[in-house]
Amino acid sequence: MGIGGDLDAAVLAATNFSQGGLSNKLSLTFECENLPNLDTFSKSDPFVILYKKSGNVWTKCGMTEVIHDNLNPKFITPIVVDYHFEQSDKCKLEVYDVDDDTQVKNLSVQDYIGSIEFDLHEVVTARDQIMHRNLGNNPKI
């Protein structure tokens, strides 16, 4: 087998055939730059939630940890999602500032910072699989 054959075998080993097509698990990590400071006596305490669209419904895939007092957070917690080749996998990323650490999952008590929507293929095909986007209120994520 030639060099290309080894690569093909590795790609096939990393994928599986499910839900009518090839799929692969992607482990996504996130970082933000220049988030707005929404706190009065300290800096924002951001975290990220990732949703994936199925039909007309957004389903939560996961969330990162909260990073306290940081406008340029680099989140460590990855969010794992299924990527389906040759399908449109729409995702939405929302960024919040925690105001109540005891109720992190209760978004109604947190400050909304912004969001973006993207297709997973944009991440897969991006240079070094790193995608840069601006949130609705323009901080880069």
N, C-alpha and C. Protein backbone atom coordinates (compact mmCIF):
# COMPACT_ATOMS: atom_id res chain seq x y z
N MET A 1 0.85 -1.18 0.00
CA MET A 1 0.00 0.00 0.00
C MET A 1 0.89 1.24 0.00
N GLY A 2 0.57 2.22 -0.80
CA GLY A 2 1.35 3.45 -0.88
C GLY A 2 1.05 4.40 0.25
N ILE A 3 1.72 5.54 0.22
CA ILE A 3 1.55 6.54 1.27
C ILE A 3 0.10 7.01 1.35
N GLY A 4 -0.54 7.24 0.21
CA GLY A 4 -1.93 7.68 0.20
C GLY A 4 -2.86 6.64 0.80
N GLY A 5 -2.55 5.35 0.57
CA GLY A 5 -3.37 4.28 1.12
C GLY A 5 -3.35 4.27 2.63
N ASP A 6 -2.19 4.55 3.23
CA ASP A 6 -2.10 4.62 4.69
C ASP A 6 -2.98 5.73 5.23
N LEU A 7 -2.97 6.87 4.57
CA LEU A 7 -3.81 7.99 4.99
C LEU A 7 -5.28 7.64 4.84
N ASP A 8 -5.65 7.01 3.73
CA ASP A 8 -7.04 6.60 3.53
C ASP A 8 -7.49 5.64 4.62
N ALA A 9 -6.64 4.69 4.98
CA ALA A 9 -6.98 3.72 6.02
C ALA A 9 -7.17 4.43 7.37
N ALA A 10 -6.33 5.42 7.65
CA ALA A 10 -6.45 6.16 8.91
C ALA A 10 -7.74 6.95 8.95
N VAL A 11 -8.11 7.57 7.83
CA VAL A 11 -9.36 8.33 7.77
C VAL A 11 -10.55 7.40 7.97
N LEU A 12 -10.55 6.26 7.30
CA LEU A 12 -11.66 5.31 7.45
C LEU A 12 -11.72 4.75 8.86
N ALA A 13 -10.58 4.54 9.49
CA ALA A 13 -10.56 4.02 10.85
C ALA A 13 -11.13 5.04 11.83
N ALA A 14 -11.01 6.31 11.52
CA ALA A 14 -11.49 7.37 12.42
C ALA A 14 -12.94 7.71 12.18
N THR A 15 -13.56 7.11 11.18
CA THR A 15 -14.96 7.41 10.88
C THR A 15 -15.80 6.16 11.05
N ASN A 16 -17.10 6.36 11.11
CA ASN A 16 -18.00 5.21 11.12
C ASN A 16 -19.18 5.51 10.21
N PHE A 17 -19.91 4.48 9.91
CA PHE A 17 -21.03 4.61 9.00
C PHE A 17 -22.31 4.53 9.82
N SER A 18 -22.98 5.68 9.99
CA SER A 18 -24.21 5.70 10.79
C SER A 18 -25.13 6.78 10.27
N GLN A 19 -26.38 6.65 10.59
CA GLN A 19 -27.39 7.63 10.21
C GLN A 19 -27.35 7.95 8.72
N GLY A 20 -27.07 6.91 7.91
CA GLY A 20 -27.14 7.08 6.47
C GLY A 20 -25.92 7.68 5.83
N GLY A 21 -24.80 7.79 6.53
CA GLY A 21 -23.61 8.33 5.90
C GLY A 21 -22.42 8.27 6.83
N LEU A 22 -21.28 8.66 6.30
CA LEU A 22 -20.07 8.67 7.11
C LEU A 22 -20.15 9.77 8.15
N SER A 23 -19.69 9.46 9.35
CA SER A 23 -19.66 10.48 10.40
C SER A 23 -18.38 10.32 11.21
N ASN A 24 -18.07 11.35 11.95
CA ASN A 24 -16.88 11.38 12.77
C ASN A 24 -17.18 12.23 13.99
N LYS A 25 -16.56 11.95 15.10
CA LYS A 25 -16.71 12.77 16.30
C LYS A 25 -15.69 13.90 16.24
N LEU A 26 -16.17 15.11 16.47
CA LEU A 26 -15.28 16.27 16.54
C LEU A 26 -15.24 16.76 17.98
N SER A 27 -14.07 17.06 18.45
CA SER A 27 -13.88 17.63 19.78
C SER A 27 -13.56 19.11 19.57
N LEU A 28 -14.52 19.97 19.91
CA LEU A 28 -14.38 21.41 19.67
C LEU A 28 -13.97 22.14 20.95
N THR A 29 -13.00 23.01 20.81
CA THR A 29 -12.62 23.89 21.91
C THR A 29 -12.79 25.33 21.45
N PHE A 30 -12.93 26.23 22.41
CA PHE A 30 -13.27 27.61 22.09
C PHE A 30 -12.41 28.59 22.87
N GLU A 31 -12.21 29.75 22.26
CA GLU A 31 -11.60 30.87 22.97
C GLU A 31 -12.19 32.15 22.42
N CYS A 32 -12.18 33.17 23.24
CA CYS A 32 -12.76 34.47 22.87
C CYS A 32 -11.72 35.56 23.08
N GLU A 33 -11.86 36.63 22.33
CA GLU A 33 -10.99 37.79 22.48
C GLU A 33 -11.85 39.04 22.59
N ASN A 34 -11.45 39.92 23.47
CA ASN A 34 -12.07 41.24 23.62
C ASN A 34 -13.57 41.19 23.88
N LEU A 35 -13.98 40.31 24.78
CA LEU A 35 -15.39 40.28 25.17
C LEU A 35 -15.73 41.56 25.92
N PRO A 36 -16.96 42.02 25.84
CA PRO A 36 -17.33 43.21 26.60
C PRO A 36 -17.35 42.90 28.10
N ASN A 37 -17.03 43.89 28.89
CA ASN A 37 -17.07 43.71 30.34
C ASN A 37 -18.46 44.07 30.82
N LEU A 38 -19.21 43.06 31.27
CA LEU A 38 -20.58 43.28 31.71
C LEU A 38 -20.71 43.35 33.22
N ASP A 39 -19.59 43.23 33.94
CA ASP A 39 -19.61 43.31 35.40
C ASP A 39 -19.16 44.69 35.85
N THR A 40 -19.64 45.11 36.99
CA THR A 40 -19.34 46.45 37.49
C THR A 40 -18.01 46.52 38.24
N PHE A 41 -17.78 45.59 39.16
CA PHE A 41 -16.60 45.67 40.03
C PHE A 41 -15.51 44.67 39.67
N SER A 42 -15.72 43.90 38.61
CA SER A 42 -14.72 42.94 38.14
C SER A 42 -14.92 42.77 36.63
N LYS A 43 -14.26 41.78 36.07
CA LYS A 43 -14.44 41.51 34.64
C LYS A 43 -15.49 40.42 34.45
N SER A 44 -15.97 40.29 33.22
CA SER A 44 -16.97 39.26 32.89
C SER A 44 -16.45 37.87 33.24
N ASP A 45 -17.40 36.96 33.50
CA ASP A 45 -17.11 35.56 33.83
C ASP A 45 -17.77 34.69 32.75
N PRO A 46 -17.13 34.57 31.58
CA PRO A 46 -17.80 33.94 30.44
C PRO A 46 -17.80 32.41 30.44
N PHE A 47 -18.79 31.87 29.73
CA PHE A 47 -18.82 30.47 29.36
C PHE A 47 -19.56 30.36 28.04
N VAL A 48 -19.40 29.22 27.37
CA VAL A 48 -19.94 29.00 26.03
C VAL A 48 -20.89 27.81 26.05
N ILE A 49 -22.00 27.93 25.31
CA ILE A 49 -22.92 26.81 25.09
C ILE A 49 -22.99 26.57 23.58
N LEU A 50 -22.91 25.29 23.18
CA LEU A 50 -23.00 24.93 21.77
C LEU A 50 -24.30 24.18 21.53
N TYR A 51 -25.03 24.59 20.49
CA TYR A 51 -26.27 23.94 20.07
C TYR A 51 -26.09 23.43 18.65
N LYS A 52 -26.79 22.34 18.32
CA LYS A 52 -26.80 21.82 16.96
C LYS A 52 -28.25 21.74 16.49
N LYS A 53 -28.47 22.11 15.24
CA LYS A 53 -29.83 22.17 14.70
C LYS A 53 -30.22 20.83 14.08
N SER A 54 -31.41 20.36 14.46
CA SER A 54 -31.99 19.16 13.87
C SER A 54 -33.39 19.52 13.42
N GLY A 55 -33.60 19.61 12.12
CA GLY A 55 -34.87 20.12 11.60
C GLY A 55 -34.97 21.60 11.94
N ASN A 56 -35.99 21.98 12.71
CA ASN A 56 -36.13 23.37 13.15
C ASN A 56 -35.83 23.55 14.63
N VAL A 57 -35.24 22.53 15.26
CA VAL A 57 -35.02 22.55 16.70
C VAL A 57 -33.53 22.62 17.02
N TRP A 58 -33.15 23.53 17.92
CA TRP A 58 -31.77 23.62 18.40
C TRP A 58 -31.65 22.75 19.64
N THR A 59 -30.69 21.83 19.62
CA THR A 59 -30.45 20.92 20.74
C THR A 59 -29.09 21.25 21.36
N LYS A 60 -29.07 21.36 22.67
CA LYS A 60 -27.83 21.67 23.37
C LYS A 60 -26.87 20.48 23.29
N CYS A 61 -25.64 20.75 22.85
CA CYS A 61 -24.62 19.71 22.76
C CYS A 61 -23.71 19.70 23.98
N GLY A 62 -23.53 20.86 24.58
CA GLY A 62 -22.65 20.95 25.74
C GLY A 62 -22.29 22.37 26.06
N MET A 63 -21.55 22.51 27.15
CA MET A 63 -21.09 23.84 27.55
C MET A 63 -19.69 23.74 28.14
N THR A 64 -18.99 24.85 28.10
CA THR A 64 -17.65 24.91 28.65
C THR A 64 -17.72 25.24 30.14
N GLU A 65 -16.57 25.29 30.73
CA GLU A 65 -16.47 25.77 32.10
C GLU A 65 -16.60 27.29 32.12
N VAL A 66 -16.82 27.85 33.30
CA VAL A 66 -16.83 29.30 33.49
C VAL A 66 -15.39 29.74 33.78
N ILE A 67 -14.96 30.79 33.12
CA ILE A 67 -13.65 31.37 33.42
C ILE A 67 -13.90 32.74 34.03
N HIS A 68 -13.53 32.88 35.28
CA HIS A 68 -13.83 34.10 36.04
C HIS A 68 -12.89 35.24 35.69
N ASP A 69 -13.46 36.44 35.66
CA ASP A 69 -12.71 37.69 35.50
C ASP A 69 -11.75 37.66 34.30
N ASN A 70 -12.30 37.35 33.12
CA ASN A 70 -11.45 37.21 31.95
C ASN A 70 -12.21 37.63 30.68
N LEU A 71 -11.69 38.61 29.97
CA LEU A 71 -12.31 39.08 28.73
C LEU A 71 -11.71 38.40 27.50
N ASN A 72 -10.69 37.55 27.72
CA ASN A 72 -10.02 36.81 26.64
C ASN A 72 -9.87 35.35 27.05
N PRO A 73 -10.97 34.67 27.33
CA PRO A 73 -10.88 33.31 27.87
C PRO A 73 -10.47 32.27 26.83
N LYS A 74 -9.70 31.29 27.29
CA LYS A 74 -9.37 30.10 26.50
C LYS A 74 -9.94 28.92 27.27
N PHE A 75 -11.07 28.43 26.79
CA PHE A 75 -11.79 27.37 27.49
C PHE A 75 -11.08 26.03 27.29
N ILE A 76 -11.01 25.25 28.34
CA ILE A 76 -10.33 23.96 28.30
C ILE A 76 -11.30 22.83 27.99
N THR A 77 -12.51 22.91 28.50
CA THR A 77 -13.49 21.84 28.33
C THR A 77 -13.92 21.73 26.87
N PRO A 78 -13.64 20.60 26.22
CA PRO A 78 -14.09 20.43 24.83
C PRO A 78 -15.57 20.02 24.79
N ILE A 79 -16.20 20.30 23.67
CA ILE A 79 -17.56 19.83 23.42
C ILE A 79 -17.47 18.90 22.21
N VAL A 80 -17.91 17.66 22.41
CA VAL A 80 -17.82 16.64 21.36
C VAL A 80 -19.14 16.57 20.61
N VAL A 81 -19.06 16.65 19.28
CA VAL A 81 -20.25 16.58 18.43
C VAL A 81 -20.00 15.60 17.28
N ASP A 82 -21.09 15.08 16.73
CA ASP A 82 -20.99 14.23 15.55
C ASP A 82 -20.97 15.11 14.31
N TYR A 83 -20.02 14.84 13.43
CA TYR A 83 -19.93 15.54 12.14
C TYR A 83 -20.29 14.53 11.06
N HIS A 84 -21.28 14.87 10.25
CA HIS A 84 -21.73 13.99 9.18
C HIS A 84 -21.24 14.52 7.84
N PHE A 85 -20.40 13.74 7.19
CA PHE A 85 -19.85 14.13 5.90
C PHE A 85 -20.97 14.32 4.89
N GLU A 86 -20.83 15.32 4.06
CA GLU A 86 -21.76 15.62 2.98
C GLU A 86 -23.17 15.95 3.48
N GLN A 87 -23.27 16.43 4.72
CA GLN A 87 -24.53 16.92 5.26
C GLN A 87 -24.28 18.30 5.85
N SER A 88 -25.34 19.05 5.98
CA SER A 88 -25.23 20.37 6.61
C SER A 88 -25.49 20.22 8.11
N ASP A 89 -24.45 20.43 8.90
CA ASP A 89 -24.55 20.36 10.35
C ASP A 89 -24.49 21.78 10.90
N LYS A 90 -25.66 22.40 11.07
CA LYS A 90 -25.74 23.78 11.57
C LYS A 90 -25.55 23.81 13.08
N CYS A 91 -24.72 24.75 13.53
CA CYS A 91 -24.45 24.92 14.96
C CYS A 91 -24.64 26.39 15.35
N LYS A 92 -24.96 26.57 16.62
CA LYS A 92 -25.05 27.92 17.18
C LYS A 92 -24.25 27.93 18.48
N LEU A 93 -23.45 28.96 18.63
CA LEU A 93 -22.63 29.12 19.82
C LEU A 93 -23.11 30.37 20.55
N GLU A 94 -23.40 30.24 21.83
CA GLU A 94 -23.83 31.39 22.64
C GLU A 94 -22.84 31.59 23.77
N VAL A 95 -22.52 32.85 24.03
CA VAL A 95 -21.59 33.20 25.10
C VAL A 95 -22.35 34.00 26.15
N TYR A 96 -22.17 33.63 27.40
CA TYR A 96 -22.84 34.28 28.53
C TYR A 96 -21.82 34.71 29.57
N ASP A 97 -22.20 35.70 30.35
CA ASP A 97 -21.45 36.15 31.52
C ASP A 97 -22.20 35.66 32.75
N VAL A 98 -21.54 34.88 33.60
CA VAL A 98 -22.18 34.34 34.80
C VAL A 98 -22.37 35.44 35.83
N ASP A 99 -23.60 35.59 36.28
CA ASP A 99 -23.89 36.51 37.39
C ASP A 99 -24.20 35.75 38.67
N ASP A 100 -24.60 34.48 38.55
CA ASP A 100 -24.92 33.67 39.71
C ASP A 100 -24.29 32.30 39.55
N ASP A 101 -23.16 32.06 40.24
CA ASP A 101 -22.43 30.80 40.13
C ASP A 101 -23.24 29.60 40.62
N THR A 102 -24.23 29.83 41.43
CA THR A 102 -25.02 28.70 41.95
C THR A 102 -26.06 28.22 40.94
N GLN A 103 -26.28 29.02 39.86
CA GLN A 103 -27.29 28.68 38.86
C GLN A 103 -26.75 28.83 37.44
N VAL A 104 -25.57 28.30 37.19
CA VAL A 104 -24.93 28.49 35.89
C VAL A 104 -25.82 28.04 34.73
N LYS A 105 -26.54 26.93 34.90
CA LYS A 105 -27.37 26.40 33.82
C LYS A 105 -28.68 27.16 33.63
N ASN A 106 -29.01 28.04 34.56
CA ASN A 106 -30.21 28.86 34.45
C ASN A 106 -29.84 30.13 33.69
N LEU A 107 -30.04 30.11 32.37
CA LEU A 107 -29.59 31.22 31.53
C LEU A 107 -30.35 32.51 31.78
N SER A 108 -31.54 32.43 32.38
CA SER A 108 -32.33 33.64 32.63
C SER A 108 -31.69 34.54 33.69
N VAL A 109 -30.77 34.00 34.49
CA VAL A 109 -30.11 34.83 35.51
C VAL A 109 -28.69 35.22 35.09
N GLN A 110 -28.30 34.87 33.86
CA GLN A 110 -26.97 35.21 33.34
C GLN A 110 -27.11 36.31 32.30
N ASP A 111 -26.00 37.00 32.05
CA ASP A 111 -25.99 38.05 31.01
C ASP A 111 -25.58 37.44 29.68
N TYR A 112 -26.41 37.65 28.66
CA TYR A 112 -26.12 37.19 27.30
C TYR A 112 -25.09 38.13 26.69
N ILE A 113 -24.00 37.56 26.16
CA ILE A 113 -22.96 38.38 25.52
C ILE A 113 -23.14 38.41 24.01
N GLY A 114 -23.38 37.25 23.39
CA GLY A 114 -23.55 37.22 21.94
C GLY A 114 -23.56 35.80 21.42
N SER A 115 -23.77 35.66 20.10
CA SER A 115 -23.81 34.33 19.50
C SER A 115 -23.37 34.38 18.04
N ILE A 116 -23.07 33.21 17.52
CA ILE A 116 -22.79 33.04 16.09
C ILE A 116 -23.43 31.73 15.64
N GLU A 117 -23.71 31.63 14.36
CA GLU A 117 -24.15 30.38 13.75
C GLU A 117 -23.13 30.01 12.68
N PHE A 118 -22.90 28.70 12.53
CA PHE A 118 -21.94 28.22 11.56
C PHE A 118 -22.25 26.78 11.21
N ASP A 119 -21.64 26.30 10.14
CA ASP A 119 -21.73 24.90 9.73
C ASP A 119 -20.47 24.19 10.19
N LEU A 120 -20.60 22.97 10.67
CA LEU A 120 -19.43 22.23 11.13
C LEU A 120 -18.40 22.05 10.02
N HIS A 121 -18.86 21.96 8.76
CA HIS A 121 -17.88 21.80 7.67
C HIS A 121 -16.95 23.01 7.58
N GLU A 122 -17.39 24.18 8.06
CA GLU A 122 -16.52 25.36 8.06
C GLU A 122 -15.32 25.15 8.98
N VAL A 123 -15.54 24.46 10.09
CA VAL A 123 -14.45 24.16 11.02
C VAL A 123 -13.54 23.10 10.42
N VAL A 124 -14.13 22.05 9.88
CA VAL A 124 -13.36 20.94 9.33
C VAL A 124 -12.48 21.40 8.18
N THR A 125 -12.98 22.31 7.34
CA THR A 125 -12.23 22.73 6.16
C THR A 125 -11.38 23.99 6.40
N ALA A 126 -11.49 24.59 7.58
CA ALA A 126 -10.70 25.80 7.87
C ALA A 126 -9.22 25.44 8.01
N ARG A 127 -8.38 26.41 7.73
CA ARG A 127 -6.94 26.21 7.86
C ARG A 127 -6.62 25.81 9.29
N ASP A 128 -5.90 24.73 9.46
CA ASP A 128 -5.55 24.16 10.77
C ASP A 128 -6.79 23.84 11.61
N GLN A 129 -7.94 23.74 10.97
CA GLN A 129 -9.23 23.48 11.62
C GLN A 129 -9.50 24.48 12.75
N ILE A 130 -9.14 25.73 12.47
CA ILE A 130 -9.39 26.84 13.40
C ILE A 130 -10.23 27.86 12.67
N MET A 131 -11.39 28.15 13.21
CA MET A 131 -12.31 29.11 12.59
C MET A 131 -12.39 30.35 13.47
N HIS A 132 -12.31 31.51 12.86
CA HIS A 132 -12.44 32.79 13.57
C HIS A 132 -13.74 33.46 13.13
N ARG A 133 -14.52 33.90 14.08
CA ARG A 133 -15.77 34.60 13.78
C ARG A 133 -16.00 35.69 14.82
N ASN A 134 -16.82 36.68 14.46
CA ASN A 134 -17.23 37.71 15.40
C ASN A 134 -18.61 37.39 15.95
N LEU A 135 -18.79 37.65 17.22
CA LEU A 135 -20.12 37.52 17.82
C LEU A 135 -21.00 38.63 17.30
N GLY A 136 -22.29 38.56 17.58
CA GLY A 136 -23.23 39.58 17.15
C GLY A 136 -22.83 40.98 17.57
N ASN A 137 -22.15 41.12 18.72
CA ASN A 137 -21.74 42.45 19.15
C ASN A 137 -20.24 42.66 18.94
N ASN A 138 -19.66 41.87 18.05
CA ASN A 138 -18.34 42.02 17.47
C ASN A 138 -17.11 41.54 18.23
N PRO A 139 -17.16 41.00 19.44
CA PRO A 139 -15.92 40.40 19.96
C PRO A 139 -15.57 39.18 19.11
N LYS A 140 -14.32 38.94 18.93
CA LYS A 140 -13.88 37.82 18.11
C LYS A 140 -13.89 36.54 18.92
N ILE A 141 -14.40 35.47 18.28
CA ILE A 141 -14.39 34.17 18.96
C ILE A 141 -13.77 33.13 18.06
